[in-house]
Amino acid sequence: MADLVSQAKELLDSGAVQVIIGYAAGTNGTRRPHVARSAAQAACLVFDEGCVQNLASYLVKPEVKRFGKAAILARTATARAALQLMAERQIADGSVRILVEAGDSVAVLDSAEALEAHLALQAEGISAKDRELLERLRAMTHAERWAFWQKELARCVKCYACRNSCPMCYCERCTMDCNRPQWVPVPSHAVGNLEYHTVRAMHLAGRCVECGECGRACPVGIPVHLMTFHAEDSVRRQFGSEAGRTAKLDYALSTFKPDDKETFIR
């Protein structure tokens, strides 16, 4: 996309940004993350259907922040993650340029307001395949779902690729890494695996931007993204809020209302 490269070079040459986080050609036709800090490096940028990784996690990394003001190539999920990070005060409004597809060209969004307007026109990001899998899980009995997740999570090797690839898992020290006290067993076994993935899904309820990055990153193919998708959908249905659609923080699980009738308690 020639327009992308020219836009990227202009942003870097003008000093509007000091680094561009995007994609470049990888091996066997794949796309990999690419950090461009010069016009020559920007010439390697690509933006096509193979660019599926959510790059927003790089925006909160200290080693990337040190470069200066950033621009990032963003499909819908990445744009939603960037907006959610603004809502959670992890990146400042206006501190990042968001490059999104606009027909055959690239548009540069420089504020949360512009990002909100763009995302208001974008459809839900869950694929038809994932939607079908979610419906199949919901149609199961409690016992069947329990058996399904026990079998799937038994394969977890506790590599934490799901956590490390998630743009909303940005805590400097995760609960899983605490050993004084040790909240969750470190070894990969049934109890520790279940606790880890359940806690992670709970922490992402109302914050998941439904990019599916955690599921793609899993080296053994566990569909862990379905757990966070379900949690996010539950918050959307019950509280009417959706992560990554507004820069106003309205996190359902941290909102207290004295007049809440608490009808969910049975």
Protein backbone atom coordinates (compact mmCIF):
# COMPACT_ATOMS: atom_id res chain seq x y z
CA MET A 1 0.00 0.00 0.00
CA ALA A 2 1.93 3.00 -1.33
CA ASP A 3 -0.18 5.49 0.61
CA LEU A 4 0.77 3.79 3.88
CA VAL A 5 4.49 4.08 3.23
CA SER A 6 4.25 7.73 2.16
CA GLN A 7 2.13 8.57 5.22
CA ALA A 8 4.58 6.78 7.50
CA LYS A 9 7.60 8.53 6.00
CA GLU A 10 5.88 11.91 6.29
CA LEU A 11 5.04 11.33 9.97
CA LEU A 12 8.63 10.36 10.75
CA ASP A 13 10.32 13.03 8.63
CA SER A 14 8.14 15.81 10.05
CA GLY A 15 8.86 14.74 13.61
CA ALA A 16 5.15 14.22 14.31
CA VAL A 17 6.12 10.77 15.64
CA GLN A 18 9.41 9.11 16.42
CA VAL A 19 8.35 5.50 15.93
CA ILE A 20 5.75 3.61 13.93
CA ILE A 21 4.52 0.22 15.13
CA GLY A 22 3.26 -1.85 12.24
CA TYR A 23 3.74 -5.01 10.21
CA ALA A 24 6.34 -6.30 7.79
CA ALA A 25 6.60 -9.44 5.69
CA GLY A 26 7.51 -12.51 7.70
CA THR A 27 8.41 -16.05 6.67
CA ASN A 28 6.16 -18.22 4.52
CA GLY A 29 3.84 -15.36 3.63
CA THR A 30 3.13 -14.40 7.26
CA ARG A 31 3.18 -10.91 8.76
CA ARG A 32 5.26 -9.96 11.80
CA PRO A 33 5.43 -6.88 14.05
CA HIS A 34 7.76 -4.21 12.69
CA VAL A 35 9.07 -1.08 14.42
CA ALA A 36 10.04 1.73 12.05
CA ARG A 37 12.14 4.68 13.25
CA SER A 38 13.38 5.89 9.88
CA ALA A 39 12.08 6.35 6.34
CA ALA A 40 14.09 3.32 5.22
CA GLN A 41 12.48 1.15 7.89
CA ALA A 42 9.04 2.57 7.05
CA ALA A 43 9.47 1.34 3.48
CA CYS A 44 9.10 -2.23 4.78
CA LEU A 45 5.62 -1.64 6.22
CA VAL A 46 2.68 -3.67 4.92
CA PHE A 47 -1.01 -3.57 5.82
CA ASP A 48 -3.17 -6.33 4.39
CA GLU A 49 -5.46 -9.20 5.42
CA GLY A 50 -2.53 -11.11 6.87
CA CYS A 51 -1.97 -8.39 9.50
CA VAL A 52 -4.06 -9.85 12.32
CA GLN A 53 -1.91 -9.45 15.42
CA ASN A 54 -3.10 -6.85 17.91
CA LEU A 55 -0.15 -4.46 18.21
CA ALA A 56 -1.62 -2.28 20.97
CA SER A 57 0.30 -4.18 23.65
CA TYR A 58 3.48 -2.46 22.38
CA LEU A 59 2.09 0.97 23.30
CA VAL A 60 2.54 0.36 27.03
CA LYS A 61 5.99 -1.25 26.87
CA PRO A 62 8.70 0.97 28.44
CA GLU A 63 11.23 0.06 25.74
CA VAL A 64 8.83 1.39 23.08
CA LYS A 65 7.78 4.47 25.06
CA ARG A 66 11.44 5.50 25.27
CA PHE A 67 11.49 6.06 21.50
CA GLY A 68 9.06 8.98 21.84
CA LYS A 69 5.65 9.63 20.32
CA ALA A 70 4.29 6.63 18.44
CA ALA A 71 1.99 5.85 15.56
CA ILE A 72 0.41 2.43 15.19
CA LEU A 73 -1.24 0.53 12.37
CA ALA A 74 -4.65 -0.51 13.64
CA ARG A 75 -7.40 -2.79 12.53
CA THR A 76 -10.62 -2.56 14.53
CA ALA A 77 -9.45 -4.66 17.49
CA THR A 78 -6.19 -2.75 17.80
CA ALA A 79 -8.02 0.58 17.59
CA ARG A 80 -10.44 -0.59 20.31
CA ALA A 81 -7.52 -1.65 22.50
CA ALA A 82 -5.83 1.74 22.05
CA LEU A 83 -9.04 3.53 23.04
CA GLN A 84 -9.51 1.27 26.07
CA LEU A 85 -5.93 1.98 27.13
CA MET A 86 -6.74 5.69 26.93
CA ALA A 87 -9.84 5.12 29.05
CA GLU A 88 -7.74 3.29 31.63
CA ARG A 89 -5.14 6.10 31.62
CA GLN A 90 -2.35 3.88 30.33
CA ILE A 91 -1.71 6.13 27.33
CA ALA A 92 -2.64 9.80 27.12
CA ASP A 93 -5.23 11.11 24.69
CA GLY A 94 -3.35 12.57 21.73
CA SER A 95 -0.08 10.83 22.54
CA VAL A 96 -0.50 8.22 19.80
CA ARG A 97 -1.39 8.52 16.12
CA ILE A 98 -3.70 5.71 15.01
CA LEU A 99 -3.41 4.70 11.35
CA VAL A 100 -6.58 3.04 10.07
CA GLU A 101 -7.78 1.86 6.69
CA ALA A 102 -9.95 4.37 4.83
CA GLY A 103 -10.91 2.73 1.55
CA ASP A 104 -7.76 2.36 -0.51
CA SER A 105 -5.82 4.80 1.65
CA VAL A 106 -4.83 5.30 5.28
CA ALA A 107 -6.35 7.83 7.66
CA VAL A 108 -4.46 9.24 10.64
CA LEU A 109 -6.49 9.66 13.84
CA ASP A 110 -4.91 11.83 16.51
CA SER A 111 -7.43 11.93 19.35
CA ALA A 112 -9.78 9.74 21.38
CA GLU A 113 -12.71 11.64 19.91
CA ALA A 114 -11.65 10.82 16.36
CA LEU A 115 -11.08 7.21 17.37
CA GLU A 116 -14.54 6.96 18.93
CA ALA A 117 -16.13 8.32 15.74
CA HIS A 118 -14.22 5.80 13.62
CA LEU A 119 -15.10 2.84 15.85
CA ALA A 120 -18.77 3.79 15.95
CA LEU A 121 -18.92 2.77 12.28
CA GLN A 122 -17.11 -0.55 12.75
CA ALA A 123 -18.99 -3.81 13.21
CA GLU A 124 -18.46 -6.38 15.96
CA GLY A 125 -15.10 -8.06 15.63
CA ILE A 126 -15.89 -11.66 16.60
CA SER A 127 -15.55 -14.01 13.64
CA ALA A 128 -18.40 -16.25 12.53
CA LYS A 129 -16.36 -19.28 13.56
CA ASP A 130 -15.83 -17.99 17.10
CA ARG A 131 -19.47 -16.94 17.37
CA GLU A 132 -20.50 -20.48 16.42
CA LEU A 133 -18.15 -21.99 19.02
CA LEU A 134 -19.53 -19.67 21.70
CA GLU A 135 -23.10 -20.68 20.87
CA ARG A 136 -22.14 -24.35 21.03
CA LEU A 137 -20.62 -23.85 24.48
CA ARG A 138 -23.67 -21.96 25.72
CA ALA A 139 -25.93 -24.77 24.50
CA MET A 140 -24.06 -27.28 26.69
CA THR A 141 -25.18 -28.21 30.18
CA HIS A 142 -23.05 -27.02 33.11
CA ALA A 143 -21.57 -30.48 33.41
CA GLU A 144 -20.68 -30.60 29.71
CA ARG A 145 -19.01 -27.16 29.82
CA TRP A 146 -17.09 -28.13 32.93
CA ALA A 147 -15.83 -31.28 31.22
CA PHE A 148 -14.92 -29.31 28.09
CA TRP A 149 -12.81 -26.74 29.95
CA GLN A 150 -11.22 -29.33 32.22
CA LYS A 151 -10.05 -31.23 29.15
CA GLU A 152 -8.85 -28.11 27.34
CA LEU A 153 -7.09 -26.47 30.27
CA ALA A 154 -5.33 -29.73 31.18
CA ARG A 155 -3.19 -29.07 28.09
CA CYS A 156 -2.03 -25.65 29.36
CA VAL A 157 1.77 -25.52 29.86
CA LYS A 158 1.67 -22.22 31.81
CA CYS A 159 3.81 -20.40 29.24
CA TYR A 160 1.69 -17.23 29.72
CA ALA A 161 1.70 -16.47 25.98
CA CYS A 162 -1.99 -15.58 26.30
CA ARG A 163 -1.24 -13.02 29.01
CA ASN A 164 1.82 -11.59 27.30
CA SER A 165 0.04 -11.10 23.98
CA CYS A 166 -3.02 -9.41 25.48
CA PRO A 167 -3.01 -5.59 25.23
CA MET A 168 -5.14 -5.34 28.38
CA CYS A 169 -2.81 -7.50 30.52
CA TYR A 170 -0.42 -4.68 31.30
CA CYS A 171 0.10 -5.04 35.07
CA GLU A 172 3.77 -4.64 35.96
CA ARG A 173 3.43 -7.59 38.29
CA CYS A 174 0.72 -10.13 37.66
CA THR A 175 -1.06 -12.00 40.44
CA MET A 176 0.29 -15.16 38.84
CA ASP A 177 3.86 -14.02 39.56
CA CYS A 178 3.29 -13.33 43.27
CA ASN A 179 4.91 -15.83 45.60
CA ARG A 180 4.55 -14.01 48.93
CA PRO A 181 1.82 -15.08 49.28
CA GLN A 182 1.51 -17.42 46.33
CA TRP A 183 -2.05 -17.04 45.07
CA VAL A 184 -1.92 -19.56 42.23
CA PRO A 185 0.29 -22.68 42.02
CA VAL A 186 3.15 -22.23 39.55
CA PRO A 187 3.34 -25.76 38.07
CA SER A 188 1.03 -26.76 35.26
CA HIS A 189 -1.66 -28.90 36.84
CA ALA A 190 -5.45 -29.04 36.94
CA VAL A 191 -6.07 -26.70 39.88
CA GLY A 192 -3.45 -24.10 38.99
CA ASN A 193 -4.45 -24.00 35.32
CA LEU A 194 -8.14 -23.55 36.14
CA GLU A 195 -7.40 -20.80 38.67
CA TYR A 196 -5.12 -18.94 36.27
CA HIS A 197 -7.50 -18.89 33.32
CA THR A 198 -10.57 -18.18 35.46
CA VAL A 199 -8.88 -15.24 37.20
CA ARG A 200 -7.63 -13.87 33.89
CA ALA A 201 -11.10 -14.06 32.33
CA MET A 202 -12.59 -12.28 35.36
CA HIS A 203 -9.99 -9.50 35.11
CA LEU A 204 -10.86 -8.99 31.45
CA ALA A 205 -14.65 -9.00 31.87
CA GLY A 206 -15.76 -5.63 30.53
CA ARG A 207 -12.23 -4.88 29.26
CA CYS A 208 -11.71 -7.47 26.52
CA VAL A 209 -11.67 -5.94 23.02
CA GLU A 210 -12.31 -9.34 21.44
CA CYS A 211 -9.18 -9.48 19.31
CA GLY A 212 -8.65 -13.18 20.02
CA GLU A 213 -4.90 -12.65 20.41
CA CYS A 214 -4.70 -14.89 23.47
CA GLY A 215 -6.16 -17.82 21.56
CA ARG A 216 -3.89 -17.26 18.55
CA ALA A 217 -0.83 -17.07 20.81
CA CYS A 218 -1.52 -20.35 22.61
CA PRO A 219 1.14 -22.85 21.44
CA VAL A 220 -1.08 -25.87 22.16
CA GLY A 221 -4.24 -24.48 20.60
CA ILE A 222 -6.47 -23.98 23.65
CA PRO A 223 -9.35 -21.62 22.70
CA VAL A 224 -8.78 -19.46 25.80
CA HIS A 225 -10.16 -16.43 23.94
CA LEU A 226 -13.64 -17.96 24.19
CA MET A 227 -13.52 -17.49 27.97
CA THR A 228 -12.83 -13.76 27.71
CA PHE A 229 -15.28 -13.39 24.80
CA HIS A 230 -18.00 -14.94 26.96
CA ALA A 231 -17.13 -12.70 29.93
CA GLU A 232 -17.17 -9.59 27.71
CA ASP A 233 -20.48 -10.58 26.12
CA SER A 234 -22.01 -11.18 29.56
CA VAL A 235 -21.03 -7.67 30.69
CA ARG A 236 -22.39 -6.19 27.47
CA ARG A 237 -25.74 -7.95 27.85
CA GLN A 238 -26.17 -7.27 31.56
CA PHE A 239 -24.67 -3.79 31.91
CA GLY A 240 -24.84 -2.36 28.39
CA SER A 241 -21.15 -1.41 28.29
CA GLU A 242 -18.59 -2.48 25.71
CA ALA A 243 -14.84 -2.20 26.00
CA GLY A 244 -12.91 -0.10 23.52
CA ARG A 245 -15.78 2.04 22.26
CA THR A 246 -15.34 5.15 24.39
CA ALA A 247 -12.53 6.98 26.19
CA LYS A 248 -14.80 7.38 29.22
CA LEU A 249 -13.99 4.71 31.76
CA ASP A 250 -17.19 2.87 32.60
CA TYR A 251 -15.89 -0.44 33.88
CA ALA A 252 -18.86 -2.48 35.08
CA LEU A 253 -16.95 -4.48 37.69
CA SER A 254 -15.57 -1.38 39.43
CA THR A 255 -18.74 0.74 39.42
CA PHE A 256 -20.72 1.08 42.65
CA LYS A 257 -24.30 2.32 42.65
CA PRO A 258 -26.09 2.68 46.01
CA ASP A 259 -29.47 2.14 44.33
CA ASP A 260 -28.42 -1.11 42.61
CA LYS A 261 -31.21 -3.61 43.25
CA GLU A 262 -28.69 -6.49 43.01
CA THR A 263 -31.23 -8.68 41.24
CA PHE A 264 -28.42 -10.86 39.91
CA ILE A 265 -28.05 -12.38 43.38
CA ARG A 266 -30.25 -15.44 43.71
